[in-house]
Amino acid sequence: MRRREFITLLGGAAVWPLPLRAQQRRPVIGFLGTVAEGLWAKQVTAFEEQLREHGWIDGRTIKIIYRWAEGRPERFAEIATEFVNSNVDVIVTGGNAVSAVRQATSTIPIVFALAVDPVGSGFVNSLSRPGGNVTGLSLQGPDLAAKRLELLRELAPDRRRLAILVNVGYPAAREELAQVQTAARALGLESAVLEIRRAEDIAPAFDGAKGRADVLYVVGDALMTSNVVLITKLALDAGLPSIYSNREFAVSGGLMAYGPSVPALFQRAADDVDKILRGAKPVLRGAKPADIPVQQPTKFDLVINLKSGKALGLTMPQTLLATADEIIE
């Protein structure tokens, strides 16, 4: 080989990184859905659309592995282990599953798209400085307890006995329960706790509420969301005006839901994933979860089901209807 040809070949190496980069392994996201796939359809769409805005397209620039636990906590550790063994670059999940994922890995970045109380649950050290390999979005569950009770009382002002349906197997739900009980006392409401740990406990819990309650507060989590149709039906059959944490309950026949917009949280979770995945690109430097503050919700939705209100014999205050983000007729 001539010296000039050899030097030209070496000089040509300066333009090789672009095609070489295209041949590298695409970053892989492990997505652990805590509920059934259909219940998070809007969330998945919001997540993927926001990733696309950052240039991450499933099947082209990234690979997303979806796994669905369908509200079964025993599946969390199994799926988390699968992701760790597959050496994914980041794991996205929801609050109920974060503990299991953290136990499976202390090195793979974890982004929770929603968590009732990430600090109280021990997921992060603080909202501003998460520490470790975990960050994400807070649902502010305990902080919204008083607001939800005020809305429920506005719809049913003469009812004084409150039942609280809660999955006591989920630590963050127990924290929200404490806040609901405090808010109930401040409003002069008597409260009865309906404890569940699995889907089979739900119907017996409602049986236990007979004669003890005339309104219902449901503490949201994956177990509740996975059984949304059953819970809303039992509440209506029992004649209990009820308030829930997210829109899916009102759509399924629940009276009223108030809480952060869940698709918006998944959209912002995609922003965190983008910050982390940039470390997988040779020309960019990715952020560590420890340095990405946990974000608070900025969009809240009040959804009211008029049909359920009529079935319960309630008169809907026009002032409340005027503030609703969505009315289901």
C-alpha atoms as a PDB file:
ATOM      1  CA  MET A   1       0.000   0.000   0.000  1.00  0.00           C
ATOM      2  CA  ARG A   2       1.347   3.442  -0.906  1.00  0.00           C
ATOM      3  CA  ARG A   3       2.069   5.885   1.931  1.00  0.00           C
ATOM      4  CA  ARG A   4      -0.433   8.453   0.557  1.00  0.00           C
ATOM      5  CA  GLU A   5      -3.180   5.820   0.322  1.00  0.00           C
ATOM      6  CA  PHE A   6      -2.428   4.691   3.887  1.00  0.00           C
ATOM      7  CA  ILE A   7      -2.579   8.275   5.228  1.00  0.00           C
ATOM      8  CA  THR A   8      -5.839   8.844   3.324  1.00  0.00           C
ATOM      9  CA  LEU A   9      -7.288   5.690   4.890  1.00  0.00           C
ATOM     10  CA  LEU A  10      -6.320   6.854   8.368  1.00  0.00           C
ATOM     11  CA  GLY A  11      -7.708  10.312   7.683  1.00  0.00           C
ATOM     12  CA  GLY A  12     -10.964   8.731   6.536  1.00  0.00           C
ATOM     13  CA  ALA A  13     -11.402   7.310  10.047  1.00  0.00           C
ATOM     14  CA  ALA A  14     -12.543  10.744  11.121  1.00  0.00           C
ATOM     15  CA  VAL A  15     -15.803  10.240   9.271  1.00  0.00           C
ATOM     16  CA  TRP A  16     -16.428   6.652  10.432  1.00  0.00           C
ATOM     17  CA  PRO A  17     -18.237   7.279  13.769  1.00  0.00           C
ATOM     18  CA  LEU A  18     -21.596   8.071  12.139  1.00  0.00           C
ATOM     19  CA  PRO A  19     -22.072   4.708  10.391  1.00  0.00           C
ATOM     20  CA  LEU A  20     -20.447   2.896  13.299  1.00  0.00           C
ATOM     21  CA  ARG A  21     -22.824   4.543  15.743  1.00  0.00           C
ATOM     22  CA  ALA A  22     -25.775   3.340  13.715  1.00  0.00           C
ATOM     23  CA  GLN A  23     -24.563  -0.228  14.128  1.00  0.00           C
ATOM     24  CA  GLN A  24     -24.347  -0.111  17.926  1.00  0.00           C
ATOM     25  CA  ARG A  25     -26.927  -1.826  20.116  1.00  0.00           C
ATOM     26  CA  ARG A  26     -30.071   0.213  20.496  1.00  0.00           C
ATOM     27  CA  PRO A  27     -30.853   1.285  24.078  1.00  0.00           C
ATOM     28  CA  VAL A  28     -33.467  -0.966  25.679  1.00  0.00           C
ATOM     29  CA  ILE A  29     -36.264   0.193  27.997  1.00  0.00           C
ATOM     30  CA  GLY A  30     -37.944  -2.317  30.276  1.00  0.00           C
ATOM     31  CA  PHE A  31     -41.516  -1.153  30.909  1.00  0.00           C
ATOM     32  CA  LEU A  32     -43.166  -2.879  33.884  1.00  0.00           C
ATOM     33  CA  GLY A  33     -46.886  -2.119  33.834  1.00  0.00           C
ATOM     34  CA  THR A  34     -48.444  -2.774  37.224  1.00  0.00           C
ATOM     35  CA  VAL A  35     -51.945  -3.208  35.772  1.00  0.00           C
ATOM     36  CA  ALA A  36     -53.413  -4.853  32.669  1.00  0.00           C
ATOM     37  CA  GLU A  37     -52.232  -3.479  29.340  1.00  0.00           C
ATOM     38  CA  GLY A  38     -55.615  -2.034  28.357  1.00  0.00           C
ATOM     39  CA  LEU A  39     -55.805   0.110  31.495  1.00  0.00           C
ATOM     40  CA  TRP A  40     -52.635   1.965  30.560  1.00  0.00           C
ATOM     41  CA  ALA A  41     -53.307   2.436  26.845  1.00  0.00           C
ATOM     42  CA  LYS A  42     -53.356   6.245  27.072  1.00  0.00           C
ATOM     43  CA  GLN A  43     -50.326   6.227  29.340  1.00  0.00           C
ATOM     44  CA  VAL A  44     -48.302   4.134  26.893  1.00  0.00           C
ATOM     45  CA  THR A  45     -49.312   6.389  24.007  1.00  0.00           C
ATOM     46  CA  ALA A  46     -48.291   9.511  25.930  1.00  0.00           C
ATOM     47  CA  PHE A  47     -44.991   7.887  26.922  1.00  0.00           C
ATOM     48  CA  GLU A  48     -44.080   6.779  23.404  1.00  0.00           C
ATOM     49  CA  GLU A  49     -45.148  10.060  21.785  1.00  0.00           C
ATOM     50  CA  GLN A  50     -42.956  12.056  24.151  1.00  0.00           C
ATOM     51  CA  LEU A  51     -40.010   9.719  23.553  1.00  0.00           C
ATOM     52  CA  ARG A  52     -40.519  10.276  19.849  1.00  0.00           C
ATOM     53  CA  GLU A  53     -40.222  14.020  20.431  1.00  0.00           C
ATOM     54  CA  HIS A  54     -36.737  13.316  21.769  1.00  0.00           C
ATOM     55  CA  GLY A  55     -35.851  11.120  18.797  1.00  0.00           C
ATOM     56  CA  TRP A  56     -36.394   7.774  20.536  1.00  0.00           C
ATOM     57  CA  ILE A  57     -38.590   5.578  18.332  1.00  0.00           C
ATOM     58  CA  ASP A  58     -39.461   2.034  19.348  1.00  0.00           C
ATOM     59  CA  GLY A  59     -38.089  -0.439  16.800  1.00  0.00           C
ATOM     60  CA  ARG A  60     -35.746   2.126  15.260  1.00  0.00           C
ATOM     61  CA  THR A  61     -33.608   4.035  17.747  1.00  0.00           C
ATOM     62  CA  ILE A  62     -34.682   2.152  20.885  1.00  0.00           C
ATOM     63  CA  LYS A  63     -36.335  -1.069  21.912  1.00  0.00           C
ATOM     64  CA  ILE A  64     -39.130  -1.149  24.501  1.00  0.00           C
ATOM     65  CA  ILE A  65     -39.940  -4.420  26.268  1.00  0.00           C
ATOM     66  CA  TYR A  66     -43.433  -4.311  27.779  1.00  0.00           C
ATOM     67  CA  ARG A  67     -44.453  -6.615  30.596  1.00  0.00           C
ATOM     68  CA  TRP A  68     -47.789  -6.441  32.464  1.00  0.00           C
ATOM     69  CA  ALA A  69     -48.290  -7.592  36.053  1.00  0.00           C
ATOM     70  CA  GLU A  70     -52.095  -7.156  35.867  1.00  0.00           C
ATOM     71  CA  GLY A  71     -52.339  -5.991  39.477  1.00  0.00           C
ATOM     72  CA  ARG A  72     -50.555  -9.070  40.851  1.00  0.00           C
ATOM     73  CA  PRO A  73     -47.711  -7.999  43.181  1.00  0.00           C
ATOM     74  CA  GLU A  74     -46.110 -11.441  42.995  1.00  0.00           C
ATOM     75  CA  ARG A  75     -45.282 -10.678  39.331  1.00  0.00           C
ATOM     76  CA  PHE A  76     -43.228  -7.573  40.116  1.00  0.00           C
ATOM     77  CA  ALA A  77     -40.038  -9.348  41.229  1.00  0.00           C
ATOM     78  CA  GLU A  78     -40.292 -11.873  38.380  1.00  0.00           C
ATOM     79  CA  ILE A  79     -40.512  -9.164  35.725  1.00  0.00           C
ATOM     80  CA  ALA A  80     -37.819  -7.051  37.389  1.00  0.00           C
ATOM     81  CA  THR A  81     -35.450 -10.035  37.365  1.00  0.00           C
ATOM     82  CA  GLU A  82     -36.182 -10.605  33.684  1.00  0.00           C
ATOM     83  CA  PHE A  83     -35.238  -7.017  32.903  1.00  0.00           C
ATOM     84  CA  VAL A  84     -32.034  -7.233  34.928  1.00  0.00           C
ATOM     85  CA  ASN A  85     -31.036 -10.475  33.190  1.00  0.00           C
ATOM     86  CA  SER A  86     -31.769  -8.822  29.828  1.00  0.00           C
ATOM     87  CA  ASN A  87     -29.433  -5.967  30.777  1.00  0.00           C
ATOM     88  CA  VAL A  88     -31.919  -3.217  29.892  1.00  0.00           C
ATOM     89  CA  ASP A  89     -30.661   0.361  30.012  1.00  0.00           C
ATOM     90  CA  VAL A  90     -33.530   1.767  32.089  1.00  0.00           C
ATOM     91  CA  ILE A  91     -36.658   0.396  33.792  1.00  0.00           C
ATOM     92  CA  VAL A  92     -39.946   2.331  33.811  1.00  0.00           C
ATOM     93  CA  THR A  93     -42.713   1.337  36.211  1.00  0.00           C
ATOM     94  CA  GLY A  94     -45.285   2.541  38.743  1.00  0.00           C
ATOM     95  CA  GLY A  95     -45.261   2.968  42.509  1.00  0.00           C
ATOM     96  CA  ASN A  96     -46.423  -0.477  43.600  1.00  0.00           C
ATOM     97  CA  ALA A  97     -43.576  -2.181  41.748  1.00  0.00           C
ATOM     98  CA  VAL A  98     -40.700   0.172  42.583  1.00  0.00           C
ATOM     99  CA  SER A  99     -39.650  -1.671  45.733  1.00  0.00           C
ATOM    100  CA  ALA A 100     -39.374  -4.978  43.858  1.00  0.00           C
ATOM    101  CA  VAL A 101     -37.373  -3.376  41.059  1.00  0.00           C
ATOM    102  CA  ARG A 102     -35.035  -1.658  43.541  1.00  0.00           C
ATOM    103  CA  GLN A 103     -34.395  -5.004  45.204  1.00  0.00           C
ATOM    104  CA  ALA A 104     -33.531  -6.515  41.821  1.00  0.00           C
ATOM    105  CA  THR A 105     -30.979  -3.863  40.850  1.00  0.00           C
ATOM    106  CA  SER A 106     -29.033  -1.013  42.413  1.00  0.00           C
ATOM    107  CA  THR A 107     -27.310  -0.028  39.173  1.00  0.00           C
ATOM    108  CA  ILE A 108     -29.864   0.027  36.330  1.00  0.00           C
ATOM    109  CA  PRO A 109     -31.678   3.410  36.305  1.00  0.00           C
ATOM    110  CA  ILE A 110     -35.306   3.222  37.440  1.00  0.00           C
ATOM    111  CA  VAL A 111     -37.955   5.804  36.521  1.00  0.00           C
ATOM    112  CA  PHE A 112     -41.322   5.579  38.272  1.00  0.00           C
ATOM    113  CA  ALA A 113     -44.017   7.274  36.226  1.00  0.00           C
ATOM    114  CA  LEU A 114     -46.212   7.578  39.304  1.00  0.00           C
ATOM    115  CA  ALA A 115     -45.811   7.026  43.028  1.00  0.00           C
ATOM    116  CA  VAL A 116     -48.174   7.977  45.848  1.00  0.00           C
ATOM    117  CA  ASP A 117     -45.442   9.096  48.249  1.00  0.00           C
ATOM    118  CA  PRO A 118     -41.922   8.404  46.919  1.00  0.00           C
ATOM    119  CA  VAL A 119     -40.106   9.787  49.974  1.00  0.00           C
ATOM    120  CA  GLY A 120     -42.361   8.159  52.561  1.00  0.00           C
ATOM    121  CA  SER A 121     -42.160   4.886  50.637  1.00  0.00           C
ATOM    122  CA  GLY A 122     -38.370   4.978  50.734  1.00  0.00           C
ATOM    123  CA  PHE A 123     -37.957   5.097  46.954  1.00  0.00           C
ATOM    124  CA  VAL A 124     -35.824   8.266  47.126  1.00  0.00           C
ATOM    125  CA  ASN A 125     -33.968  10.220  49.800  1.00  0.00           C
ATOM    126  CA  SER A 126     -35.717  13.479  48.943  1.00  0.00           C
ATOM    127  CA  LEU A 127     -37.605  15.012  46.034  1.00  0.00           C
ATOM    128  CA  SER A 128     -34.785  17.406  45.128  1.00  0.00           C
ATOM    129  CA  ARG A 129     -31.956  14.879  45.598  1.00  0.00           C
ATOM    130  CA  PRO A 130     -33.274  11.377  44.962  1.00  0.00           C
ATOM    131  CA  GLY A 131     -29.956   9.580  45.432  1.00  0.00           C
ATOM    132  CA  GLY A 132     -29.364   6.024  44.268  1.00  0.00           C
ATOM    133  CA  ASN A 133     -30.644   4.796  40.916  1.00  0.00           C
ATOM    134  CA  VAL A 134     -34.297   5.901  41.188  1.00  0.00           C
ATOM    135  CA  THR A 135     -36.235   9.019  40.178  1.00  0.00           C
ATOM    136  CA  GLY A 136     -39.638   9.850  38.684  1.00  0.00           C
ATOM    137  CA  LEU A 137     -42.994  11.510  39.301  1.00  0.00           C
ATOM    138  CA  SER A 138     -44.996  11.945  42.511  1.00  0.00           C
ATOM    139  CA  LEU A 139     -48.776  11.563  42.661  1.00  0.00           C
ATOM    140  CA  GLN A 140     -48.978  13.620  45.875  1.00  0.00           C
ATOM    141  CA  GLY A 141     -51.494  11.077  47.129  1.00  0.00           C
ATOM    142  CA  PRO A 142     -51.488  11.994  50.834  1.00  0.00           C
ATOM    143  CA  ASP A 143     -51.534  15.720  50.017  1.00  0.00           C
ATOM    144  CA  LEU A 144     -54.760  15.374  48.009  1.00  0.00           C
ATOM    145  CA  ALA A 145     -56.724  13.444  50.631  1.00  0.00           C
ATOM    146  CA  ALA A 146     -58.347  16.521  52.181  1.00  0.00           C
ATOM    147  CA  LYS A 147     -59.247  17.967  48.771  1.00  0.00           C
ATOM    148  CA  ARG A 148     -60.952  14.738  47.701  1.00  0.00           C
ATOM    149  CA  LEU A 149     -62.977  14.568  50.902  1.00  0.00           C
ATOM    150  CA  GLU A 150     -64.088  18.175  50.480  1.00  0.00           C
ATOM    151  CA  LEU A 151     -65.308  17.371  46.959  1.00  0.00           C
ATOM    152  CA  LEU A 152     -67.147  14.299  48.217  1.00  0.00           C
ATOM    153  CA  ARG A 153     -68.779  16.272  51.002  1.00  0.00           C
ATOM    154  CA  GLU A 154     -69.873  18.942  48.519  1.00  0.00           C
ATOM    155  CA  LEU A 155     -71.753  16.270  46.576  1.00  0.00           C
ATOM    156  CA  ALA A 156     -73.173  14.492  49.628  1.00  0.00           C
ATOM    157  CA  PRO A 157     -73.234  17.079  52.446  1.00  0.00           C
ATOM    158  CA  ASP A 158     -75.653  15.170  54.690  1.00  0.00           C
ATOM    159  CA  ARG A 159     -73.718  11.912  54.778  1.00  0.00           C
ATOM    160  CA  ARG A 160     -71.387  11.556  57.756  1.00  0.00           C
ATOM    161  CA  ARG A 161     -70.111   7.969  57.729  1.00  0.00           C
ATOM    162  CA  LEU A 162     -67.069   7.399  55.559  1.00  0.00           C
ATOM    163  CA  ALA A 163     -65.677   4.046  54.420  1.00  0.00           C
ATOM    164  CA  ILE A 164     -62.050   4.009  53.247  1.00  0.00           C
ATOM    165  CA  LEU A 165     -61.094   1.160  50.915  1.00  0.00           C
ATOM    166  CA  VAL A 166     -57.317   0.619  51.092  1.00  0.00           C
ATOM    167  CA  ASN A 167     -54.737  -1.955  50.086  1.00  0.00           C
ATOM    168  CA  VAL A 168     -52.870  -2.259  53.388  1.00  0.00           C
ATOM    169  CA  GLY A 169     -50.190  -4.338  51.685  1.00  0.00           C
ATOM    170  CA  TYR A 170     -48.904  -1.187  49.960  1.00  0.00           C
ATOM    171  CA  PRO A 171     -46.993   1.131  52.373  1.00  0.00           C
ATOM    172  CA  ALA A 172     -47.766   4.332  50.447  1.00  0.00           C
ATOM    173  CA  ALA A 173     -51.479   3.523  50.546  1.00  0.00           C
ATOM    174  CA  ARG A 174     -51.279   3.236  54.333  1.00  0.00           C
ATOM    175  CA  GLU A 175     -49.726   6.705  54.429  1.00  0.00           C
ATOM    176  CA  GLU A 176     -52.592   8.119  52.373  1.00  0.00           C
ATOM    177  CA  LEU A 177     -55.040   6.310  54.652  1.00  0.00           C
ATOM    178  CA  ALA A 178     -53.635   8.192  57.635  1.00  0.00           C
ATOM    179  CA  GLN A 179     -54.123  11.496  55.823  1.00  0.00           C
ATOM    180  CA  VAL A 180     -57.700  10.583  54.880  1.00  0.00           C
ATOM    181  CA  GLN A 181     -58.501   9.739  58.498  1.00  0.00           C
ATOM    182  CA  THR A 182     -57.040  13.051  59.677  1.00  0.00           C
ATOM    183  CA  ALA A 183     -59.033  14.991  57.074  1.00  0.00           C
ATOM    184  CA  ALA A 184     -62.198  13.059  57.970  1.00  0.00           C
ATOM    185  CA  ARG A 185     -61.887  14.015  61.629  1.00  0.00           C
ATOM    186  CA  ALA A 186     -61.431  17.662  60.669  1.00  0.00           C
ATOM    187  CA  LEU A 187     -64.666  17.496  58.657  1.00  0.00           C
ATOM    188  CA  GLY A 188     -66.551  15.746  61.436  1.00  0.00           C
ATOM    189  CA  LEU A 189     -66.872  12.461  59.559  1.00  0.00           C
ATOM    190  CA  GLU A 190     -66.853   9.024  61.157  1.00  0.00           C
ATOM    191  CA  SER A 191     -64.522   6.673  59.291  1.00  0.00           C
ATOM    192  CA  ALA A 192     -64.369   2.900  58.890  1.00  0.00           C
ATOM    193  CA  VAL A 193     -61.374   1.252  57.210  1.00  0.00           C
ATOM    194  CA  LEU A 194     -62.021  -1.510  54.683  1.00  0.00           C
ATOM    195  CA  GLU A 195     -58.705  -3.367  54.457  1.00  0.00           C
ATOM    196  CA  ILE A 196     -57.787  -5.483  51.459  1.00  0.00           C
ATOM    197  CA  ARG A 197     -54.600  -7.172  50.254  1.00  0.00           C
ATOM    198  CA  ARG A 198     -55.809  -8.962  47.122  1.00  0.00           C
ATOM    199  CA  ALA A 199     -58.676  -8.872  44.653  1.00  0.00           C
ATOM    200  CA  GLU A 200     -60.555 -11.608  46.514  1.00  0.00           C
ATOM    201  CA  ASP A 201     -60.860  -9.297  49.535  1.00  0.00           C
ATOM    202  CA  ILE A 202     -62.793  -6.566  47.723  1.00  0.00           C
ATOM    203  CA  ALA A 203     -66.343  -7.975  47.733  1.00  0.00           C
ATOM    204  CA  PRO A 204     -66.154  -9.094  51.402  1.00  0.00           C
ATOM    205  CA  ALA A 205     -64.875  -5.614  52.311  1.00  0.00           C
ATOM    206  CA  PHE A 206     -67.992  -4.041  50.814  1.00  0.00           C
ATOM    207  CA  ASP A 207     -70.137  -6.553  52.694  1.00  0.00           C
ATOM    208  CA  GLY A 208     -68.437  -5.380  55.880  1.00  0.00           C
ATOM    209  CA  ALA A 209     -69.323  -1.765  55.103  1.00  0.00           C
ATOM    210  CA  LYS A 210     -73.082  -2.375  55.181  1.00  0.00           C
ATOM    211  CA  GLY A 211     -74.682  -0.319  57.900  1.00  0.00           C
ATOM    212  CA  ARG A 212     -71.364   1.353  58.703  1.00  0.00           C
ATOM    213  CA  ALA A 213     -70.912   3.843  55.860  1.00  0.00           C
ATOM    214  CA  ASP A 214     -72.804   6.077  53.455  1.00  0.00           C
ATOM    215  CA  VAL A 215     -69.877   7.507  51.420  1.00  0.00           C
ATOM    216  CA  LEU A 216     -66.665   5.907  50.133  1.00  0.00           C
ATOM    217  CA  TYR A 217     -63.055   6.991  49.576  1.00  0.00           C
ATOM    218  CA  VAL A 218     -60.900   4.609  47.524  1.00  0.00           C
ATOM    219  CA  VAL A 219     -57.132   4.880  48.041  1.00  0.00           C
ATOM    220  CA  GLY A 220     -55.691   4.363  44.585  1.00  0.00           C
ATOM    221  CA  ASP A 221     -53.027   1.837  43.641  1.00  0.00           C
ATOM    222  CA  ALA A 222     -52.444  -0.891  41.056  1.00  0.00           C
ATOM    223  CA  LEU A 223     -54.672  -3.399  42.850  1.00  0.00           C
ATOM    224  CA  MET A 224     -57.587  -0.950  42.886  1.00  0.00           C
ATOM    225  CA  THR A 225     -57.090   0.106  39.272  1.00  0.00           C
ATOM    226  CA  SER A 226     -56.890  -3.517  38.144  1.00  0.00           C
ATOM    227  CA  ASN A 227     -60.316  -4.092  39.709  1.00  0.00           C
ATOM    228  CA  VAL A 228     -61.908  -0.799  38.671  1.00  0.00           C
ATOM    229  CA  VAL A 229     -65.079  -2.329  37.191  1.00  0.00           C
ATOM    230  CA  LEU A 230     -65.775  -4.474  40.239  1.00  0.00           C
ATOM    231  CA  ILE A 231     -65.167  -1.663  42.720  1.00  0.00           C
ATOM    232  CA  THR A 232     -67.326   0.919  40.961  1.00  0.00           C
ATOM    233  CA  LYS A 233     -70.155  -1.603  40.548  1.00  0.00           C
ATOM    234  CA  LEU A 234     -70.064  -2.596  44.202  1.00  0.00           C
ATOM    235  CA  ALA A 235     -70.055   1.057  45.242  1.00  0.00           C
ATOM    236  CA  LEU A 236     -73.109   1.828  43.119  1.00  0.00           C
ATOM    237  CA  ASP A 237     -74.922  -1.312  44.253  1.00  0.00           C
ATOM    238  CA  ALA A 238     -74.283  -0.294  47.857  1.00  0.00           C
ATOM    239  CA  GLY A 239     -75.565   3.238  47.192  1.00  0.00           C
ATOM    240  CA  LEU A 240     -72.236   4.798  48.185  1.00  0.00           C
ATOM    241  CA  PRO A 241     -71.217   8.136  46.625  1.00  0.00           C
ATOM    242  CA  SER A 242     -67.529   7.549  46.045  1.00  0.00           C
ATOM    243  CA  ILE A 243     -64.387   9.440  45.117  1.00  0.00           C
ATOM    244  CA  TYR A 244     -61.380   7.930  43.373  1.00  0.00           C
ATOM    245  CA  SER A 245     -57.862   8.905  42.425  1.00  0.00           C
ATOM    246  CA  ASN A 246     -57.953   8.709  38.637  1.00  0.00           C
ATOM    247  CA  ARG A 247     -60.188   9.063  35.605  1.00  0.00           C
ATOM    248  CA  GLU A 248     -60.508   5.338  34.856  1.00  0.00           C
ATOM    249  CA  PHE A 249     -62.823   4.911  37.843  1.00  0.00           C
ATOM    250  CA  ALA A 250     -65.237   7.639  36.747  1.00  0.00           C
ATOM    251  CA  VAL A 251     -65.268   6.284  33.202  1.00  0.00           C
ATOM    252  CA  SER A 252     -66.114   2.833  34.584  1.00  0.00           C
ATOM    253  CA  GLY A 253     -69.098   4.144  36.541  1.00  0.00           C
ATOM    254  CA  GLY A 254     -67.542   5.704  39.622  1.00  0.00           C
ATOM    255  CA  LEU A 255     -69.163   8.911  40.798  1.00  0.00           C
ATOM    256  CA  MET A 256     -66.157  11.206  40.874  1.00  0.00           C
ATOM    257  CA  ALA A 257     -62.379  11.167  40.450  1.00  0.00           C
ATOM    258  CA  TYR A 258     -59.814  13.802  41.304  1.00  0.00           C
ATOM    259  CA  GLY A 259     -56.075  13.562  40.887  1.00  0.00           C
ATOM    260  CA  PRO A 260     -53.083  14.222  38.663  1.00  0.00           C
ATOM    261  CA  SER A 261     -53.439  13.563  34.950  1.00  0.00           C
ATOM    262  CA  VAL A 262     -51.784  10.138  34.685  1.00  0.00           C
ATOM    263  CA  PRO A 263     -50.973  10.336  30.929  1.00  0.00           C
ATOM    264  CA  ALA A 264     -49.242  13.667  31.622  1.00  0.00           C
ATOM    265  CA  LEU A 265     -47.098  11.966  34.264  1.00  0.00           C
ATOM    266  CA  PHE A 266     -46.038   9.265  31.801  1.00  0.00           C
ATOM    267  CA  GLN A 267     -45.226  11.968  29.293  1.00  0.00           C
ATOM    268  CA  ARG A 268     -42.896  13.631  31.785  1.00  0.00           C
ATOM    269  CA  ALA A 269     -41.416  10.256  32.723  1.00  0.00           C
ATOM    270  CA  ALA A 270     -40.319   9.999  29.078  1.00  0.00           C
ATOM    271  CA  ASP A 271     -38.369  13.228  29.584  1.00  0.00           C
ATOM    272  CA  ASP A 272     -36.479  11.602  32.467  1.00  0.00           C
ATOM    273  CA  VAL A 273     -35.798   8.528  30.352  1.00  0.00           C
ATOM    274  CA  ASP A 274     -34.389  10.764  27.615  1.00  0.00           C
ATOM    275  CA  LYS A 275     -32.002  12.425  30.071  1.00  0.00           C
ATOM    276  CA  ILE A 276     -30.772   9.026  31.201  1.00  0.00           C
ATOM    277  CA  LEU A 277     -30.548   7.399  27.760  1.00  0.00           C
ATOM    278  CA  ARG A 278     -28.381  10.151  26.392  1.00  0.00           C
ATOM    279  CA  GLY A 279     -25.558   8.391  28.207  1.00  0.00           C
ATOM    280  CA  ALA A 280     -26.003   5.522  25.737  1.00  0.00           C
ATOM    281  CA  LYS A 281     -24.983   7.821  22.870  1.00  0.00           C
ATOM    282  CA  PRO A 282     -21.209   8.239  22.423  1.00  0.00           C
ATOM    283  CA  VAL A 283     -21.478  11.957  21.651  1.00  0.00           C
ATOM    284  CA  LEU A 284     -23.726  12.804  24.600  1.00  0.00           C
ATOM    285  CA  ARG A 285     -23.550  12.507  28.371  1.00  0.00           C
ATOM    286  CA  GLY A 286     -26.532  11.106  30.203  1.00  0.00           C
ATOM    287  CA  ALA A 287     -27.840  12.201  33.592  1.00  0.00           C
ATOM    288  CA  LYS A 288     -27.915   9.923  36.624  1.00  0.00           C
ATOM    289  CA  PRO A 289     -31.244   9.310  38.381  1.00  0.00           C
ATOM    290  CA  ALA A 290     -29.653  10.529  41.619  1.00  0.00           C
ATOM    291  CA  ASP A 291     -29.288  13.968  40.036  1.00  0.00           C
ATOM    292  CA  ILE A 292     -32.763  14.192  38.444  1.00  0.00           C
ATOM    293  CA  PRO A 293     -35.257  15.709  40.941  1.00  0.00           C
ATOM    294  CA  VAL A 294     -38.570  13.942  41.483  1.00  0.00           C
ATOM    295  CA  GLN A 295     -41.222  16.054  39.789  1.00  0.00           C
ATOM    296  CA  GLN A 296     -44.594  17.059  41.174  1.00  0.00           C
ATOM    297  CA  PRO A 297     -47.831  16.957  39.147  1.00  0.00           C
ATOM    298  CA  THR A 298     -48.799  20.139  37.339  1.00  0.00           C
ATOM    299  CA  LYS A 299     -52.100  19.028  35.771  1.00  0.00           C
ATOM    300  CA  PHE A 300     -55.039  17.779  37.864  1.00  0.00           C
ATOM    301  CA  ASP A 301     -58.330  16.413  36.544  1.00  0.00           C
ATOM    302  CA  LEU A 302     -61.764  16.461  38.160  1.00  0.00           C
ATOM    303  CA  VAL A 303     -64.054  13.968  36.418  1.00  0.00           C
ATOM    304  CA  ILE A 304     -67.731  13.572  37.345  1.00  0.00           C
ATOM    305  CA  ASN A 305     -70.075  10.845  36.159  1.00  0.00           C
ATOM    306  CA  LEU A 306     -73.567  12.373  35.920  1.00  0.00           C
ATOM    307  CA  LYS A 307     -75.232   9.047  35.203  1.00  0.00           C
ATOM    308  CA  SER A 308     -73.876   7.579  38.432  1.00  0.00           C
ATOM    309  CA  GLY A 309     -74.915  10.691  40.329  1.00  0.00           C
ATOM    310  CA  LYS A 310     -78.486  10.272  39.142  1.00  0.00           C
ATOM    311  CA  ALA A 311     -78.457   6.581  40.005  1.00  0.00           C
ATOM    312  CA  LEU A 312     -77.412   7.539  43.538  1.00  0.00           C
ATOM    313  CA  GLY A 313     -80.178  10.168  43.774  1.00  0.00           C
ATOM    314  CA  LEU A 314     -77.755  13.058  44.147  1.00  0.00           C
ATOM    315  CA  THR A 315     -78.314  16.654  43.129  1.00  0.00           C
ATOM    316  CA  MET A 316     -75.194  17.887  41.375  1.00  0.00           C
ATOM    317  CA  PRO A 317     -74.168  21.421  42.442  1.00  0.00           C
ATOM    318  CA  GLN A 318     -73.749  23.617  39.389  1.00  0.00           C
ATOM    319  CA  THR A 319     -70.718  25.267  40.952  1.00  0.00           C
ATOM    320  CA  LEU A 320     -68.995  21.886  41.135  1.00  0.00           C
ATOM    321  CA  LEU A 321     -69.976  20.909  37.605  1.00  0.00           C
ATOM    322  CA  ALA A 322     -68.583  24.201  36.351  1.00  0.00           C
ATOM    323  CA  THR A 323     -65.139  23.343  37.735  1.00  0.00           C
ATOM    324  CA  ALA A 324     -65.053  19.791  36.348  1.00  0.00           C
ATOM    325  CA  ASP A 325     -62.507  19.036  33.641  1.00  0.00           C
ATOM    326  CA  GLU A 326     -64.702  16.268  32.251  1.00  0.00           C
ATOM    327  CA  ILE A 327     -68.354  15.342  32.725  1.00  0.00           C
ATOM    328  CA  ILE A 328     -69.508  11.853  31.763  1.00  0.00           C
ATOM    329  CA  GLU A 329     -73.212  11.752  30.869  1.00  0.00           C
END
